[in-house]
Amino acid sequence: MTLTVLHKDLNPFEIFYYASLLHLVFVKIHLFQDGNGRTARLIEKWFLIEKMGQKATSVQLEKNYYKRLKDYYSNIKKIGLEYEDLDYSKCLDFLLMTVKGIDDQN
């Protein structure tokens, strides 16, 4: 997914959609014993910077997710717990968290 969308021209909606989706997919892979969320936020920020440039650094991902930690975990759990049973059709609430957080910043 990343390599395909990384080289495409995306509108702002698509940029935030794919950045959040990268975050969610990485968290659900749960590659590490600890630090999956931090790494996922880093990947999300990296993608935003790649697509939007330095202005993406003003998107306060860490603060946004920390302020909504209960919603963060609840939205992650909505798609399922076991990797083979994940249902990404239930991920919209998670994908909207970054955009809603930006709205709250203003």
PDB file of N, CA and C in Angstrom:
ATOM      1  N   MET A   1       0.823  -1.190   0.000  1.00  0.00           N
ATOM      2  CA  MET A   1       0.000   0.000   0.000  1.00  0.00           C
ATOM      3  C   MET A   1       0.867   1.254   0.000  1.00  0.00           C
ATOM      4  N   THR A   2       1.868   1.328   0.870  1.00  0.00           N
ATOM      5  CA  THR A   2       2.657   2.541   1.014  1.00  0.00           C
ATOM      6  C   THR A   2       3.356   2.928  -0.275  1.00  0.00           C
ATOM      7  N   LEU A   3       4.028   2.000  -0.882  1.00  0.00           N
ATOM      8  CA  LEU A   3       4.773   2.330  -2.091  1.00  0.00           C
ATOM      9  C   LEU A   3       3.855   2.784  -3.205  1.00  0.00           C
ATOM     10  N   THR A   4       2.679   2.212  -3.296  1.00  0.00           N
ATOM     11  CA  THR A   4       1.738   2.604  -4.332  1.00  0.00           C
ATOM     12  C   THR A   4       1.224   4.020  -4.101  1.00  0.00           C
ATOM     13  N   VAL A   5       0.743   4.316  -2.911  1.00  0.00           N
ATOM     14  CA  VAL A   5       0.166   5.635  -2.655  1.00  0.00           C
ATOM     15  C   VAL A   5       1.231   6.693  -2.416  1.00  0.00           C
ATOM     16  N   LEU A   6       2.414   6.296  -2.042  1.00  0.00           N
ATOM     17  CA  LEU A   6       3.471   7.267  -1.784  1.00  0.00           C
ATOM     18  C   LEU A   6       3.839   8.043  -3.042  1.00  0.00           C
ATOM     19  N   HIS A   7       3.723   7.419  -4.185  1.00  0.00           N
ATOM     20  CA  HIS A   7       4.123   8.056  -5.434  1.00  0.00           C
ATOM     21  C   HIS A   7       2.949   8.623  -6.230  1.00  0.00           C
ATOM     22  N   LYS A   8       1.771   8.639  -5.640  1.00  0.00           N
ATOM     23  CA  LYS A   8       0.592   9.198  -6.304  1.00  0.00           C
ATOM     24  C   LYS A   8       0.293  10.580  -5.771  1.00  0.00           C
ATOM     25  N   ASP A   9      -0.312  11.395  -6.621  1.00  0.00           N
ATOM     26  CA  ASP A   9      -0.827  12.676  -6.151  1.00  0.00           C
ATOM     27  C   ASP A   9      -2.127  12.394  -5.405  1.00  0.00           C
ATOM     28  N   LEU A  10      -2.161  12.804  -4.148  1.00  0.00           N
ATOM     29  CA  LEU A  10      -3.336  12.572  -3.321  1.00  0.00           C
ATOM     30  C   LEU A  10      -3.914  13.898  -2.865  1.00  0.00           C
ATOM     31  N   ASN A  11      -5.217  13.956  -2.733  1.00  0.00           N
ATOM     32  CA  ASN A  11      -5.841  15.151  -2.165  1.00  0.00           C
ATOM     33  C   ASN A  11      -5.713  15.072  -0.640  1.00  0.00           C
ATOM     34  N   PRO A  12      -5.955  16.161   0.076  1.00  0.00           N
ATOM     35  CA  PRO A  12      -5.775  16.148   1.537  1.00  0.00           C
ATOM     36  C   PRO A  12      -6.580  15.052   2.248  1.00  0.00           C
ATOM     37  N   PHE A  13      -7.789  14.805   1.816  1.00  0.00           N
ATOM     38  CA  PHE A  13      -8.589  13.741   2.418  1.00  0.00           C
ATOM     39  C   PHE A  13      -7.877  12.399   2.284  1.00  0.00           C
ATOM     40  N   GLU A  14      -7.364  12.102   1.108  1.00  0.00           N
ATOM     41  CA  GLU A  14      -6.679  10.831   0.866  1.00  0.00           C
ATOM     42  C   GLU A  14      -5.382  10.729   1.674  1.00  0.00           C
ATOM     43  N   ILE A  15      -4.675  11.845   1.790  1.00  0.00           N
ATOM     44  CA  ILE A  15      -3.433  11.845   2.564  1.00  0.00           C
ATOM     45  C   ILE A  15      -3.706  11.447   4.008  1.00  0.00           C
ATOM     46  N   PHE A  16      -4.695  12.060   4.637  1.00  0.00           N
ATOM     47  CA  PHE A  16      -5.005  11.744   6.025  1.00  0.00           C
ATOM     48  C   PHE A  16      -5.602  10.349   6.165  1.00  0.00           C
ATOM     49  N   TYR A  17      -6.365   9.934   5.184  1.00  0.00           N
ATOM     50  CA  TYR A  17      -6.935   8.589   5.197  1.00  0.00           C
ATOM     51  C   TYR A  17      -5.820   7.544   5.204  1.00  0.00           C
ATOM     52  N   TYR A  18      -4.902   7.639   4.260  1.00  0.00           N
ATOM     53  CA  TYR A  18      -3.830   6.649   4.163  1.00  0.00           C
ATOM     54  C   TYR A  18      -2.853   6.735   5.333  1.00  0.00           C
ATOM     55  N   ALA A  19      -2.578   7.935   5.821  1.00  0.00           N
ATOM     56  CA  ALA A  19      -1.685   8.071   6.981  1.00  0.00           C
ATOM     57  C   ALA A  19      -2.283   7.353   8.191  1.00  0.00           C
ATOM     58  N   SER A  20      -3.567   7.568   8.444  1.00  0.00           N
ATOM     59  CA  SER A  20      -4.234   6.912   9.571  1.00  0.00           C
ATOM     60  C   SER A  20      -4.339   5.412   9.361  1.00  0.00           C
ATOM     61  N   LEU A  21      -4.585   5.001   8.126  1.00  0.00           N
ATOM     62  CA  LEU A  21      -4.683   3.574   7.838  1.00  0.00           C
ATOM     63  C   LEU A  21      -3.334   2.874   8.043  1.00  0.00           C
ATOM     64  N   LEU A  22      -2.250   3.521   7.640  1.00  0.00           N
ATOM     65  CA  LEU A  22      -0.919   2.961   7.905  1.00  0.00           C
ATOM     66  C   LEU A  22      -0.718   2.747   9.401  1.00  0.00           C
ATOM     67  N   HIS A  23      -1.090   3.752  10.178  1.00  0.00           N
ATOM     68  CA  HIS A  23      -0.987   3.677  11.634  1.00  0.00           C
ATOM     69  C   HIS A  23      -1.761   2.460  12.147  1.00  0.00           C
ATOM     70  N   LEU A  24      -3.012   2.345  11.744  1.00  0.00           N
ATOM     71  CA  LEU A  24      -3.877   1.275  12.231  1.00  0.00           C
ATOM     72  C   LEU A  24      -3.363  -0.108  11.827  1.00  0.00           C
ATOM     73  N   VAL A  25      -2.977  -0.257  10.586  1.00  0.00           N
ATOM     74  CA  VAL A  25      -2.487  -1.558  10.114  1.00  0.00           C
ATOM     75  C   VAL A  25      -1.224  -1.959  10.878  1.00  0.00           C
ATOM     76  N   PHE A  26      -0.317  -1.010  11.084  1.00  0.00           N
ATOM     77  CA  PHE A  26       0.907  -1.341  11.816  1.00  0.00           C
ATOM     78  C   PHE A  26       0.601  -1.748  13.249  1.00  0.00           C
ATOM     79  N   VAL A  27      -0.300  -1.000  13.911  1.00  0.00           N
ATOM     80  CA  VAL A  27      -0.655  -1.334  15.292  1.00  0.00           C
ATOM     81  C   VAL A  27      -1.251  -2.732  15.365  1.00  0.00           C
ATOM     82  N   LYS A  28      -2.080  -3.078  14.397  1.00  0.00           N
ATOM     83  CA  LYS A  28      -2.732  -4.384  14.434  1.00  0.00           C
ATOM     84  C   LYS A  28      -1.773  -5.525  14.092  1.00  0.00           C
ATOM     85  N   ILE A  29      -0.715  -5.268  13.352  1.00  0.00           N
ATOM     86  CA  ILE A  29       0.304  -6.287  13.117  1.00  0.00           C
ATOM     87  C   ILE A  29       0.991  -6.613  14.444  1.00  0.00           C
ATOM     88  N   HIS A  30       1.147  -5.591  15.289  1.00  0.00           N
ATOM     89  CA  HIS A  30       1.715  -5.733  16.633  1.00  0.00           C
ATOM     90  C   HIS A  30       3.068  -6.436  16.583  1.00  0.00           C
ATOM     91  N   LEU A  31       3.945  -5.825  15.850  1.00  0.00           N
ATOM     92  CA  LEU A  31       5.264  -6.394  15.575  1.00  0.00           C
ATOM     93  C   LEU A  31       6.150  -6.512  16.810  1.00  0.00           C
ATOM     94  N   PHE A  32       6.043  -5.543  17.698  1.00  0.00           N
ATOM     95  CA  PHE A  32       6.938  -5.488  18.859  1.00  0.00           C
ATOM     96  C   PHE A  32       6.193  -5.830  20.138  1.00  0.00           C
ATOM     97  N   GLN A  33       6.934  -6.217  21.163  1.00  0.00           N
ATOM     98  CA  GLN A  33       6.326  -6.455  22.465  1.00  0.00           C
ATOM     99  C   GLN A  33       5.854  -5.136  23.075  1.00  0.00           C
ATOM    100  N   ASP A  34       6.593  -4.073  22.829  1.00  0.00           N
ATOM    101  CA  ASP A  34       6.243  -2.747  23.343  1.00  0.00           C
ATOM    102  C   ASP A  34       6.614  -1.713  22.288  1.00  0.00           C
ATOM    103  N   GLY A  35       5.897  -0.629  22.234  1.00  0.00           N
ATOM    104  CA  GLY A  35       6.230   0.474  21.346  1.00  0.00           C
ATOM    105  C   GLY A  35       5.519   0.459  20.008  1.00  0.00           C
ATOM    106  N   ASN A  36       4.534  -0.406  19.838  1.00  0.00           N
ATOM    107  CA  ASN A  36       3.814  -0.468  18.561  1.00  0.00           C
ATOM    108  C   ASN A  36       3.058   0.832  18.265  1.00  0.00           C
ATOM    109  N   GLY A  37       2.411   1.395  19.271  1.00  0.00           N
ATOM    110  CA  GLY A  37       1.678   2.650  19.072  1.00  0.00           C
ATOM    111  C   GLY A  37       2.600   3.803  18.733  1.00  0.00           C
ATOM    112  N   ARG A  38       3.711   3.900  19.446  1.00  0.00           N
ATOM    113  CA  ARG A  38       4.677   4.973  19.167  1.00  0.00           C
ATOM    114  C   ARG A  38       5.241   4.838  17.758  1.00  0.00           C
ATOM    115  N   THR A  39       5.560   3.614  17.376  1.00  0.00           N
ATOM    116  CA  THR A  39       6.090   3.384  16.033  1.00  0.00           C
ATOM    117  C   THR A  39       5.035   3.686  14.983  1.00  0.00           C
ATOM    118  N   ALA A  40       3.796   3.315  15.244  1.00  0.00           N
ATOM    119  CA  ALA A  40       2.702   3.584  14.301  1.00  0.00           C
ATOM    120  C   ALA A  40       2.478   5.081  14.134  1.00  0.00           C
ATOM    121  N   ARG A  41       2.572   5.837  15.230  1.00  0.00           N
ATOM    122  CA  ARG A  41       2.420   7.299  15.127  1.00  0.00           C
ATOM    123  C   ARG A  41       3.574   7.902  14.334  1.00  0.00           C
ATOM    124  N   LEU A  42       4.765   7.357  14.505  1.00  0.00           N
ATOM    125  CA  LEU A  42       5.920   7.815  13.735  1.00  0.00           C
ATOM    126  C   LEU A  42       5.716   7.544  12.242  1.00  0.00           C
ATOM    127  N   ILE A  43       5.217   6.369  11.907  1.00  0.00           N
ATOM    128  CA  ILE A  43       4.938   6.031  10.509  1.00  0.00           C
ATOM    129  C   ILE A  43       3.868   6.958   9.945  1.00  0.00           C
ATOM    130  N   GLU A  44       2.835   7.226  10.738  1.00  0.00           N
ATOM    131  CA  GLU A  44       1.771   8.144  10.293  1.00  0.00           C
ATOM    132  C   GLU A  44       2.343   9.536  10.022  1.00  0.00           C
ATOM    133  N   LYS A  45       3.158  10.036  10.952  1.00  0.00           N
ATOM    134  CA  LYS A  45       3.765  11.361  10.786  1.00  0.00           C
ATOM    135  C   LYS A  45       4.696  11.381   9.573  1.00  0.00           C
ATOM    136  N   TRP A  46       5.492  10.322   9.400  1.00  0.00           N
ATOM    137  CA  TRP A  46       6.387  10.228   8.248  1.00  0.00           C
ATOM    138  C   TRP A  46       5.595  10.352   6.949  1.00  0.00           C
ATOM    139  N   PHE A  47       4.492   9.613   6.839  1.00  0.00           N
ATOM    140  CA  PHE A  47       3.695   9.652   5.624  1.00  0.00           C
ATOM    141  C   PHE A  47       3.130  11.059   5.397  1.00  0.00           C
ATOM    142  N   LEU A  48       2.638  11.693   6.451  1.00  0.00           N
ATOM    143  CA  LEU A  48       2.120  13.059   6.311  1.00  0.00           C
ATOM    144  C   LEU A  48       3.206  14.015   5.825  1.00  0.00           C
ATOM    145  N   ILE A  49       4.398  13.890   6.380  1.00  0.00           N
ATOM    146  CA  ILE A  49       5.503  14.767   5.968  1.00  0.00           C
ATOM    147  C   ILE A  49       5.904  14.488   4.522  1.00  0.00           C
ATOM    148  N   GLU A  50       5.947  13.229   4.133  1.00  0.00           N
ATOM    149  CA  GLU A  50       6.281  12.876   2.750  1.00  0.00           C
ATOM    150  C   GLU A  50       5.286  13.491   1.766  1.00  0.00           C
ATOM    151  N   LYS A  51       4.025  13.512   2.141  1.00  0.00           N
ATOM    152  CA  LYS A  51       2.979  13.979   1.213  1.00  0.00           C
ATOM    153  C   LYS A  51       2.710  15.475   1.332  1.00  0.00           C
ATOM    154  N   MET A  52       2.912  16.071   2.524  1.00  0.00           N
ATOM    155  CA  MET A  52       2.540  17.471   2.743  1.00  0.00           C
ATOM    156  C   MET A  52       3.722  18.386   2.997  1.00  0.00           C
ATOM    157  N   GLY A  53       4.883  17.814   3.237  1.00  0.00           N
ATOM    158  CA  GLY A  53       6.043  18.629   3.558  1.00  0.00           C
ATOM    159  C   GLY A  53       6.070  19.024   5.029  1.00  0.00           C
ATOM    160  N   GLN A  54       6.871  20.012   5.338  1.00  0.00           N
ATOM    161  CA  GLN A  54       7.101  20.419   6.729  1.00  0.00           C
ATOM    162  C   GLN A  54       5.851  20.900   7.454  1.00  0.00           C
ATOM    163  N   LYS A  55       4.848  21.376   6.740  1.00  0.00           N
ATOM    164  CA  LYS A  55       3.639  21.839   7.433  1.00  0.00           C
ATOM    165  C   LYS A  55       2.962  20.700   8.186  1.00  0.00           C
ATOM    166  N   ALA A  56       3.255  19.466   7.815  1.00  0.00           N
ATOM    167  CA  ALA A  56       2.683  18.314   8.524  1.00  0.00           C
ATOM    168  C   ALA A  56       3.219  18.200   9.944  1.00  0.00           C
ATOM    169  N   THR A  57       4.360  18.821  10.236  1.00  0.00           N
ATOM    170  CA  THR A  57       4.897  18.747  11.598  1.00  0.00           C
ATOM    171  C   THR A  57       4.001  19.474  12.593  1.00  0.00           C
ATOM    172  N   SER A  58       3.130  20.348  12.120  1.00  0.00           N
ATOM    173  CA  SER A  58       2.212  21.046  13.022  1.00  0.00           C
ATOM    174  C   SER A  58       1.019  20.175  13.420  1.00  0.00           C
ATOM    175  N   VAL A  59       0.849  19.035  12.775  1.00  0.00           N
ATOM    176  CA  VAL A  59      -0.218  18.097  13.153  1.00  0.00           C
ATOM    177  C   VAL A  59       0.235  17.383  14.419  1.00  0.00           C
ATOM    178  N   GLN A  60      -0.459  17.605  15.504  1.00  0.00           N
ATOM    179  CA  GLN A  60      -0.054  17.092  16.807  1.00  0.00           C
ATOM    180  C   GLN A  60      -0.645  15.700  17.057  1.00  0.00           C
ATOM    181  N   LEU A  61      -0.138  14.715  16.345  1.00  0.00           N
ATOM    182  CA  LEU A  61      -0.651  13.352  16.459  1.00  0.00           C
ATOM    183  C   LEU A  61      -0.566  12.828  17.884  1.00  0.00           C
ATOM    184  N   GLU A  62       0.607  12.946  18.478  1.00  0.00           N
ATOM    185  CA  GLU A  62       0.823  12.380  19.798  1.00  0.00           C
ATOM    186  C   GLU A  62      -0.133  12.993  20.814  1.00  0.00           C
ATOM    187  N   LYS A  63      -0.241  14.297  20.802  1.00  0.00           N
ATOM    188  CA  LYS A  63      -1.127  15.003  21.735  1.00  0.00           C
ATOM    189  C   LYS A  63      -2.583  14.619  21.489  1.00  0.00           C
ATOM    190  N   ASN A  64      -2.957  14.549  20.235  1.00  0.00           N
ATOM    191  CA  ASN A  64      -4.328  14.205  19.877  1.00  0.00           C
ATOM    192  C   ASN A  64      -4.696  12.814  20.392  1.00  0.00           C
ATOM    193  N   TYR A  65      -3.854  11.837  20.130  1.00  0.00           N
ATOM    194  CA  TYR A  65      -4.154  10.473  20.572  1.00  0.00           C
ATOM    195  C   TYR A  65      -4.098  10.373  22.094  1.00  0.00           C
ATOM    196  N   TYR A  66      -3.167  11.076  22.727  1.00  0.00           N
ATOM    197  CA  TYR A  66      -3.060  11.043  24.189  1.00  0.00           C
ATOM    198  C   TYR A  66      -4.318  11.626  24.835  1.00  0.00           C
ATOM    199  N   LYS A  67      -4.804  12.737  24.281  1.00  0.00           N
ATOM    200  CA  LYS A  67      -6.019  13.366  24.826  1.00  0.00           C
ATOM    201  C   LYS A  67      -7.243  12.467  24.666  1.00  0.00           C
ATOM    202  N   ARG A  68      -7.204  11.586  23.702  1.00  0.00           N
ATOM    203  CA  ARG A  68      -8.343  10.707  23.416  1.00  0.00           C
ATOM    204  C   ARG A  68      -7.934   9.237  23.538  1.00  0.00           C
ATOM    205  N   LEU A  69      -7.151   8.947  24.556  1.00  0.00           N
ATOM    206  CA  LEU A  69      -6.577   7.609  24.704  1.00  0.00           C
ATOM    207  C   LEU A  69      -7.652   6.523  24.799  1.00  0.00           C
ATOM    208  N   LYS A  70      -8.704   6.801  25.527  1.00  0.00           N
ATOM    209  CA  LYS A  70      -9.795   5.822  25.650  1.00  0.00           C
ATOM    210  C   LYS A  70     -10.412   5.550  24.278  1.00  0.00           C
ATOM    211  N   ASP A  71     -10.682   6.604  23.510  1.00  0.00           N
ATOM    212  CA  ASP A  71     -11.235   6.444  22.161  1.00  0.00           C
ATOM    213  C   ASP A  71     -10.238   5.744  21.237  1.00  0.00           C
ATOM    214  N   TYR A  72      -8.953   6.069  21.401  1.00  0.00           N
ATOM    215  CA  TYR A  72      -7.899   5.462  20.593  1.00  0.00           C
ATOM    216  C   TYR A  72      -7.963   3.938  20.698  1.00  0.00           C
ATOM    217  N   TYR A  73      -7.944   3.435  21.926  1.00  0.00           N
ATOM    218  CA  TYR A  73      -7.972   1.985  22.125  1.00  0.00           C
ATOM    219  C   TYR A  73      -9.316   1.380  21.750  1.00  0.00           C
ATOM    220  N   SER A  74     -10.386   2.081  22.037  1.00  0.00           N
ATOM    221  CA  SER A  74     -11.723   1.595  21.681  1.00  0.00           C
ATOM    222  C   SER A  74     -11.859   1.462  20.159  1.00  0.00           C
ATOM    223  N   ASN A  75     -11.386   2.461  19.438  1.00  0.00           N
ATOM    224  CA  ASN A  75     -11.480   2.439  17.976  1.00  0.00           C
ATOM    225  C   ASN A  75     -10.582   1.363  17.359  1.00  0.00           C
ATOM    226  N   ILE A  76      -9.448   1.109  17.982  1.00  0.00           N
ATOM    227  CA  ILE A  76      -8.573   0.033  17.508  1.00  0.00           C
ATOM    228  C   ILE A  76      -9.248  -1.321  17.714  1.00  0.00           C
ATOM    229  N   LYS A  77      -9.896  -1.481  18.854  1.00  0.00           N
ATOM    230  CA  LYS A  77     -10.538  -2.768  19.177  1.00  0.00           C
ATOM    231  C   LYS A  77     -11.755  -3.048  18.304  1.00  0.00           C
ATOM    232  N   LYS A  78     -12.361  -1.996  17.749  1.00  0.00           N
ATOM    233  CA  LYS A  78     -13.571  -2.177  16.931  1.00  0.00           C
ATOM    234  C   LYS A  78     -13.347  -3.100  15.736  1.00  0.00           C
ATOM    235  N   ILE A  79     -12.141  -3.110  15.211  1.00  0.00           N
ATOM    236  CA  ILE A  79     -11.912  -3.935  14.014  1.00  0.00           C
ATOM    237  C   ILE A  79     -11.581  -5.378  14.364  1.00  0.00           C
ATOM    238  N   GLY A  80     -11.390  -5.662  15.650  1.00  0.00           N
ATOM    239  CA  GLY A  80     -11.133  -7.024  16.089  1.00  0.00           C
ATOM    240  C   GLY A  80      -9.839  -7.131  16.863  1.00  0.00           C
ATOM    241  N   LEU A  81      -9.681  -8.261  17.514  1.00  0.00           N
ATOM    242  CA  LEU A  81      -8.498  -8.469  18.336  1.00  0.00           C
ATOM    243  C   LEU A  81      -7.482  -9.397  17.692  1.00  0.00           C
ATOM    244  N   GLU A  82      -7.934 -10.447  17.079  1.00  0.00           N
ATOM    245  CA  GLU A  82      -7.030 -11.415  16.464  1.00  0.00           C
ATOM    246  C   GLU A  82      -6.754 -11.025  15.013  1.00  0.00           C
ATOM    247  N   TYR A  83      -5.488 -11.070  14.627  1.00  0.00           N
ATOM    248  CA  TYR A  83      -5.081 -10.587  13.303  1.00  0.00           C
ATOM    249  C   TYR A  83      -5.870 -11.223  12.163  1.00  0.00           C
ATOM    250  N   GLU A  84      -6.102 -12.503  12.226  1.00  0.00           N
ATOM    251  CA  GLU A  84      -6.787 -13.183  11.124  1.00  0.00           C
ATOM    252  C   GLU A  84      -8.276 -12.874  11.067  1.00  0.00           C
ATOM    253  N   ASP A  85      -8.812 -12.236  12.108  1.00  0.00           N
ATOM    254  CA  ASP A  85     -10.243 -11.912  12.151  1.00  0.00           C
ATOM    255  C   ASP A  85     -10.524 -10.411  12.013  1.00  0.00           C
ATOM    256  N   LEU A  86      -9.532  -9.615  11.655  1.00  0.00           N
ATOM    257  CA  LEU A  86      -9.716  -8.163  11.587  1.00  0.00           C
ATOM    258  C   LEU A  86     -10.710  -7.790  10.497  1.00  0.00           C
ATOM    259  N   ASP A  87     -11.550  -6.807  10.813  1.00  0.00           N
ATOM    260  CA  ASP A  87     -12.553  -6.305   9.871  1.00  0.00           C
ATOM    261  C   ASP A  87     -12.331  -4.804   9.691  1.00  0.00           C
ATOM    262  N   TYR A  88     -11.565  -4.462   8.670  1.00  0.00           N
ATOM    263  CA  TYR A  88     -11.221  -3.054   8.450  1.00  0.00           C
ATOM    264  C   TYR A  88     -12.406  -2.213   7.973  1.00  0.00           C
ATOM    265  N   SER A  89     -13.538  -2.827   7.687  1.00  0.00           N
ATOM    266  CA  SER A  89     -14.728  -2.041   7.342  1.00  0.00           C
ATOM    267  C   SER A  89     -15.258  -1.291   8.568  1.00  0.00           C
ATOM    268  N   LYS A  90     -14.733  -1.600   9.745  1.00  0.00           N
ATOM    269  CA  LYS A  90     -15.154  -0.944  10.990  1.00  0.00           C
ATOM    270  C   LYS A  90     -14.125   0.069  11.486  1.00  0.00           C
ATOM    271  N   CYS A  91     -13.260   0.548  10.597  1.00  0.00           N
ATOM    272  CA  CYS A  91     -12.147   1.393  11.040  1.00  0.00           C
ATOM    273  C   CYS A  91     -12.382   2.898  10.882  1.00  0.00           C
ATOM    274  N   LEU A  92     -13.538   3.305  10.408  1.00  0.00           N
ATOM    275  CA  LEU A  92     -13.754   4.723  10.113  1.00  0.00           C
ATOM    276  C   LEU A  92     -13.553   5.621  11.340  1.00  0.00           C
ATOM    277  N   ASP A  93     -14.047   5.217  12.497  1.00  0.00           N
ATOM    278  CA  ASP A  93     -13.877   6.054  13.695  1.00  0.00           C
ATOM    279  C   ASP A  93     -12.406   6.296  13.997  1.00  0.00           C
ATOM    280  N   PHE A  94     -11.579   5.270  13.826  1.00  0.00           N
ATOM    281  CA  PHE A  94     -10.141   5.453  14.036  1.00  0.00           C
ATOM    282  C   PHE A  94      -9.566   6.390  12.978  1.00  0.00           C
ATOM    283  N   LEU A  95      -9.918   6.185  11.728  1.00  0.00           N
ATOM    284  CA  LEU A  95      -9.348   6.979  10.635  1.00  0.00           C
ATOM    285  C   LEU A  95      -9.699   8.458  10.746  1.00  0.00           C
ATOM    286  N   LEU A  96     -10.795   8.767  11.405  1.00  0.00           N
ATOM    287  CA  LEU A  96     -11.212  10.159  11.556  1.00  0.00           C
ATOM    288  C   LEU A  96     -10.576  10.853  12.761  1.00  0.00           C
ATOM    289  N   MET A  97      -9.901  10.117  13.605  1.00  0.00           N
ATOM    290  CA  MET A  97      -9.342  10.720  14.819  1.00  0.00           C
ATOM    291  C   MET A  97      -8.339  11.835  14.531  1.00  0.00           C
ATOM    292  N   THR A  98      -7.450  11.659  13.573  1.00  0.00           N
ATOM    293  CA  THR A  98      -6.455  12.697  13.273  1.00  0.00           C
ATOM    294  C   THR A  98      -7.119  13.955  12.757  1.00  0.00           C
ATOM    295  N   VAL A  99      -8.042  13.796  11.834  1.00  0.00           N
ATOM    296  CA  VAL A  99      -8.722  14.969  11.260  1.00  0.00           C
ATOM    297  C   VAL A  99      -9.524  15.699  12.334  1.00  0.00           C
ATOM    298  N   LYS A 100     -10.220  14.965  13.170  1.00  0.00           N
ATOM    299  CA  LYS A 100     -10.982  15.593  14.251  1.00  0.00           C
ATOM    300  C   LYS A 100     -10.047  16.294  15.225  1.00  0.00           C
ATOM    301  N   GLY A 101      -8.876  15.721  15.469  1.00  0.00           N
ATOM    302  CA  GLY A 101      -7.896  16.351  16.328  1.00  0.00           C
ATOM    303  C   GLY A 101      -7.379  17.665  15.776  1.00  0.00           C
ATOM    304  N   ILE A 102      -7.235  17.743  14.472  1.00  0.00           N
ATOM    305  CA  ILE A 102      -6.821  18.987  13.831  1.00  0.00           C
ATOM    306  C   ILE A 102      -7.903  20.039  14.001  1.00  0.00           C
ATOM    307  N   ASP A 103      -9.148  19.646  13.823  1.00  0.00           N
ATOM    308  CA  ASP A 103     -10.253  20.575  14.038  1.00  0.00           C
ATOM    309  C   ASP A 103     -10.247  21.124  15.453  1.00  0.00           C
ATOM    310  N   ASP A 104      -9.919  20.279  16.427  1.00  0.00           N
ATOM    311  CA  ASP A 104      -9.881  20.702  17.826  1.00  0.00           C
ATOM    312  C   ASP A 104      -8.729  21.643  18.120  1.00  0.00           C
ATOM    313  N   GLN A 105      -7.649  21.572  17.327  1.00  0.00           N
ATOM    314  CA  GLN A 105      -6.500  22.446  17.516  1.00  0.00           C
ATOM    315  C   GLN A 105      -6.836  23.898  17.193  1.00  0.00           C
ATOM    316  N   ASN A 106      -7.729  24.086  16.262  1.00  0.00           N
ATOM    317  CA  ASN A 106      -8.052  25.451  15.799  1.00  0.00           C
ATOM    318  C   ASN A 106      -9.044  26.127  16.703  1.00  0.00           C
TER     319      ASN A 106
END
